[in-house]
Amino acid sequence: MKKLKQFPVLRSDEEAEDFVANADLTEYDWSGFQRVHFELQPKTERVNMRLPKSLLDAARAKAAAEGIPYQRLIRRALERELAPKAAQ
């Protein structure tokens, strides 16, 4: 089996654009990459709810383990639950 290349360190958008335009990306090791979720819609509304302390503590702990704010974790759970099933 062919050994996969490691991705180079790209220090600018221009370097990244040039790399993607000219490299054969099938030759590179993608195993270290993680999925990233971009939040593009503006947050204009606010919600206030009561939760059991144990549930809020669990959300905070999970969010801390993922390195994100707990409000984002809760919003992501809502988005996943309410997203159309075909999009998942």
N, C-alpha and C. Protein backbone atom coordinates (compact mmCIF):
# COMPACT_ATOMS: atom_id res chain seq x y z
N MET A 1 0.84 -1.18 0.00
CA MET A 1 0.00 0.00 0.00
C MET A 1 0.88 1.25 0.00
N LYS A 2 0.48 2.23 -0.76
CA LYS A 2 1.23 3.46 -0.90
C LYS A 2 1.15 4.28 0.39
N LYS A 3 2.29 4.81 0.84
CA LYS A 3 2.31 5.64 2.04
C LYS A 3 1.74 7.01 1.72
N LEU A 4 0.82 7.46 2.59
CA LEU A 4 0.17 8.75 2.38
C LEU A 4 1.06 9.89 2.88
N LYS A 5 1.00 11.00 2.19
CA LYS A 5 1.78 12.19 2.55
C LYS A 5 1.09 12.94 3.69
N GLN A 6 1.90 13.66 4.45
CA GLN A 6 1.37 14.55 5.48
C GLN A 6 1.10 15.91 4.84
N PHE A 7 0.08 16.59 5.31
CA PHE A 7 -0.25 17.91 4.78
C PHE A 7 0.82 18.92 5.18
N PRO A 8 1.17 19.82 4.28
CA PRO A 8 2.15 20.85 4.62
C PRO A 8 1.51 21.92 5.51
N VAL A 9 2.34 22.67 6.19
CA VAL A 9 1.86 23.80 6.97
C VAL A 9 1.66 24.96 6.00
N LEU A 10 0.44 25.47 5.96
CA LEU A 10 0.11 26.56 5.04
C LEU A 10 -0.09 27.82 5.87
N ARG A 11 0.64 28.86 5.55
CA ARG A 11 0.67 30.06 6.40
C ARG A 11 -0.20 31.21 5.90
N SER A 12 -0.87 31.02 4.78
CA SER A 12 -1.74 32.09 4.29
C SER A 12 -2.86 31.49 3.45
N ASP A 13 -3.87 32.27 3.21
CA ASP A 13 -4.96 31.82 2.34
C ASP A 13 -4.44 31.56 0.94
N GLU A 14 -3.52 32.38 0.49
CA GLU A 14 -2.97 32.21 -0.86
C GLU A 14 -2.24 30.87 -0.98
N GLU A 15 -1.44 30.53 0.04
CA GLU A 15 -0.75 29.23 0.03
C GLU A 15 -1.76 28.09 0.01
N ALA A 16 -2.81 28.21 0.79
CA ALA A 16 -3.84 27.16 0.85
C ALA A 16 -4.54 27.02 -0.50
N GLU A 17 -4.91 28.14 -1.10
CA GLU A 17 -5.58 28.10 -2.40
C GLU A 17 -4.69 27.47 -3.45
N ASP A 18 -3.41 27.83 -3.45
CA ASP A 18 -2.47 27.27 -4.42
C ASP A 18 -2.30 25.76 -4.19
N PHE A 19 -2.20 25.36 -2.93
CA PHE A 19 -2.05 23.94 -2.62
C PHE A 19 -3.25 23.14 -3.11
N VAL A 20 -4.45 23.60 -2.79
CA VAL A 20 -5.67 22.88 -3.18
C VAL A 20 -5.81 22.84 -4.70
N ALA A 21 -5.42 23.92 -5.37
CA ALA A 21 -5.56 23.99 -6.83
C ALA A 21 -4.59 23.04 -7.54
N ASN A 22 -3.43 22.77 -6.93
CA ASN A 22 -2.39 22.04 -7.64
C ASN A 22 -2.06 20.65 -7.10
N ALA A 23 -2.46 20.34 -5.88
CA ALA A 23 -2.09 19.06 -5.27
C ALA A 23 -3.11 17.97 -5.59
N ASP A 24 -2.65 16.74 -5.62
CA ASP A 24 -3.54 15.59 -5.73
C ASP A 24 -3.89 15.18 -4.30
N LEU A 25 -5.05 15.60 -3.83
CA LEU A 25 -5.43 15.42 -2.43
C LEU A 25 -5.65 13.96 -2.04
N THR A 26 -5.76 13.08 -3.02
CA THR A 26 -5.91 11.66 -2.71
C THR A 26 -4.61 11.05 -2.20
N GLU A 27 -3.50 11.77 -2.34
CA GLU A 27 -2.20 11.27 -1.88
C GLU A 27 -1.91 11.62 -0.42
N TYR A 28 -2.83 12.32 0.23
CA TYR A 28 -2.57 12.83 1.58
C TYR A 28 -3.39 12.09 2.63
N ASP A 29 -2.83 12.07 3.85
CA ASP A 29 -3.44 11.40 4.99
C ASP A 29 -4.46 12.34 5.65
N TRP A 30 -5.73 11.99 5.57
CA TRP A 30 -6.82 12.79 6.11
C TRP A 30 -7.23 12.34 7.51
N SER A 31 -6.57 11.36 8.08
CA SER A 31 -7.04 10.77 9.34
C SER A 31 -7.01 11.73 10.52
N GLY A 32 -6.19 12.76 10.48
CA GLY A 32 -6.11 13.70 11.60
C GLY A 32 -7.12 14.83 11.53
N PHE A 33 -7.91 14.88 10.47
CA PHE A 33 -8.86 15.98 10.31
C PHE A 33 -10.13 15.72 11.12
N GLN A 34 -10.75 16.81 11.53
CA GLN A 34 -12.02 16.73 12.25
C GLN A 34 -13.05 17.57 11.51
N ARG A 35 -14.30 17.14 11.59
CA ARG A 35 -15.39 17.90 10.99
C ARG A 35 -15.56 19.22 11.74
N VAL A 36 -15.78 20.28 11.00
CA VAL A 36 -15.98 21.60 11.58
C VAL A 36 -17.35 22.11 11.16
N HIS A 37 -18.06 22.68 12.10
CA HIS A 37 -19.38 23.23 11.81
C HIS A 37 -19.28 24.75 11.84
N PHE A 38 -19.62 25.38 10.73
CA PHE A 38 -19.60 26.83 10.66
C PHE A 38 -21.00 27.36 10.95
N GLU A 39 -21.07 28.34 11.82
CA GLU A 39 -22.35 28.95 12.17
C GLU A 39 -22.48 30.24 11.36
N LEU A 40 -23.28 30.18 10.31
CA LEU A 40 -23.38 31.29 9.39
C LEU A 40 -24.60 32.17 9.64
N GLN A 41 -25.64 31.61 10.21
CA GLN A 41 -26.85 32.40 10.45
C GLN A 41 -26.67 33.27 11.68
N PRO A 42 -27.11 34.53 11.61
CA PRO A 42 -27.01 35.39 12.80
C PRO A 42 -27.95 34.89 13.90
N LYS A 43 -27.50 35.04 15.12
CA LYS A 43 -28.33 34.65 16.27
C LYS A 43 -29.09 35.89 16.71
N THR A 44 -30.38 35.94 16.42
CA THR A 44 -31.17 37.14 16.71
C THR A 44 -32.18 36.93 17.81
N GLU A 45 -32.47 35.69 18.15
CA GLU A 45 -33.50 35.41 19.16
C GLU A 45 -32.87 34.80 20.40
N ARG A 46 -33.57 34.94 21.49
CA ARG A 46 -33.09 34.47 22.78
C ARG A 46 -34.12 33.52 23.37
N VAL A 47 -33.65 32.53 24.11
CA VAL A 47 -34.56 31.60 24.78
C VAL A 47 -34.12 31.49 26.25
N ASN A 48 -35.10 31.34 27.11
CA ASN A 48 -34.83 31.17 28.53
C ASN A 48 -35.59 29.93 28.98
N MET A 49 -34.90 28.97 29.57
CA MET A 49 -35.58 27.75 30.02
C MET A 49 -34.99 27.25 31.32
N ARG A 50 -35.80 26.53 32.02
CA ARG A 50 -35.34 25.90 33.27
C ARG A 50 -34.98 24.45 32.98
N LEU A 51 -33.84 24.04 33.53
CA LEU A 51 -33.37 22.66 33.37
C LEU A 51 -32.99 22.12 34.74
N PRO A 52 -33.07 20.81 34.90
CA PRO A 52 -32.53 20.23 36.14
C PRO A 52 -31.02 20.49 36.19
N LYS A 53 -30.51 20.74 37.38
CA LYS A 53 -29.08 21.02 37.54
C LYS A 53 -28.23 19.91 36.94
N SER A 54 -28.66 18.67 37.10
CA SER A 54 -27.87 17.54 36.59
C SER A 54 -27.76 17.58 35.06
N LEU A 55 -28.84 18.00 34.39
CA LEU A 55 -28.81 18.09 32.92
C LEU A 55 -27.90 19.23 32.46
N LEU A 56 -28.01 20.37 33.13
CA LEU A 56 -27.14 21.50 32.78
C LEU A 56 -25.68 21.17 33.07
N ASP A 57 -25.41 20.52 34.18
CA ASP A 57 -24.03 20.11 34.50
C ASP A 57 -23.50 19.14 33.45
N ALA A 58 -24.34 18.21 33.00
CA ALA A 58 -23.92 17.26 31.97
C ALA A 58 -23.62 17.99 30.66
N ALA A 59 -24.46 18.96 30.29
CA ALA A 59 -24.22 19.73 29.07
C ALA A 59 -22.93 20.52 29.18
N ARG A 60 -22.70 21.13 30.33
CA ARG A 60 -21.46 21.90 30.53
C ARG A 60 -20.23 20.99 30.46
N ALA A 61 -20.32 19.81 31.05
CA ALA A 61 -19.18 18.88 31.04
C ALA A 61 -18.89 18.40 29.62
N LYS A 62 -19.94 18.04 28.89
CA LYS A 62 -19.74 17.57 27.51
C LYS A 62 -19.18 18.69 26.64
N ALA A 63 -19.70 19.90 26.81
CA ALA A 63 -19.20 21.03 26.04
C ALA A 63 -17.74 21.31 26.37
N ALA A 64 -17.38 21.23 27.64
CA ALA A 64 -15.99 21.44 28.04
C ALA A 64 -15.08 20.39 27.41
N ALA A 65 -15.55 19.14 27.38
CA ALA A 65 -14.76 18.06 26.78
C ALA A 65 -14.56 18.28 25.28
N GLU A 66 -15.54 18.93 24.63
CA GLU A 66 -15.44 19.22 23.19
C GLU A 66 -14.79 20.56 22.91
N GLY A 67 -14.56 21.36 23.97
CA GLY A 67 -13.92 22.65 23.80
C GLY A 67 -14.82 23.71 23.19
N ILE A 68 -16.12 23.63 23.49
CA ILE A 68 -17.07 24.61 22.97
C ILE A 68 -17.91 25.16 24.12
N PRO A 69 -18.52 26.33 23.95
CA PRO A 69 -19.43 26.83 24.98
C PRO A 69 -20.67 25.93 25.11
N TYR A 70 -21.20 25.82 26.32
CA TYR A 70 -22.33 24.91 26.52
C TYR A 70 -23.58 25.36 25.77
N GLN A 71 -23.74 26.67 25.56
CA GLN A 71 -24.90 27.14 24.79
C GLN A 71 -24.82 26.63 23.35
N ARG A 72 -23.63 26.57 22.79
CA ARG A 72 -23.46 26.06 21.43
C ARG A 72 -23.79 24.58 21.38
N LEU A 73 -23.40 23.83 22.40
CA LEU A 73 -23.72 22.41 22.45
C LEU A 73 -25.24 22.21 22.49
N ILE A 74 -25.94 23.00 23.29
CA ILE A 74 -27.40 22.89 23.37
C ILE A 74 -28.03 23.28 22.04
N ARG A 75 -27.54 24.35 21.41
CA ARG A 75 -28.07 24.77 20.11
C ARG A 75 -27.83 23.69 19.06
N ARG A 76 -26.66 23.07 19.08
CA ARG A 76 -26.36 21.99 18.14
C ARG A 76 -27.30 20.81 18.34
N ALA A 77 -27.61 20.48 19.60
CA ALA A 77 -28.55 19.38 19.87
C ALA A 77 -29.93 19.71 19.31
N LEU A 78 -30.36 20.95 19.47
CA LEU A 78 -31.65 21.36 18.90
C LEU A 78 -31.62 21.29 17.37
N GLU A 79 -30.54 21.78 16.77
CA GLU A 79 -30.43 21.75 15.31
C GLU A 79 -30.48 20.32 14.79
N ARG A 80 -29.77 19.41 15.46
CA ARG A 80 -29.77 18.02 15.02
C ARG A 80 -31.14 17.37 15.16
N GLU A 81 -31.83 17.67 16.24
CA GLU A 81 -33.15 17.09 16.47
C GLU A 81 -34.18 17.61 15.48
N LEU A 82 -34.07 18.87 15.11
CA LEU A 82 -35.08 19.50 14.27
C LEU A 82 -34.72 19.54 12.79
N ALA A 83 -33.51 19.11 12.43
CA ALA A 83 -33.09 19.12 11.04
C ALA A 83 -33.89 18.08 10.23
N PRO A 84 -34.14 18.37 8.97
CA PRO A 84 -34.81 17.36 8.13
C PRO A 84 -33.97 16.09 8.11
N LYS A 85 -34.62 14.93 8.17
CA LYS A 85 -33.91 13.66 8.25
C LYS A 85 -33.04 13.40 7.00
N ALA A 86 -33.43 13.91 5.85
CA ALA A 86 -32.65 13.70 4.63
C ALA A 86 -31.32 14.43 4.70
N ALA A 87 -31.23 15.52 5.46
CA ALA A 87 -30.01 16.30 5.52
C ALA A 87 -28.99 15.70 6.48
N GLN A 88 -29.39 14.73 7.29
CA GLN A 88 -28.48 14.17 8.28
C GLN A 88 -27.62 13.10 7.73
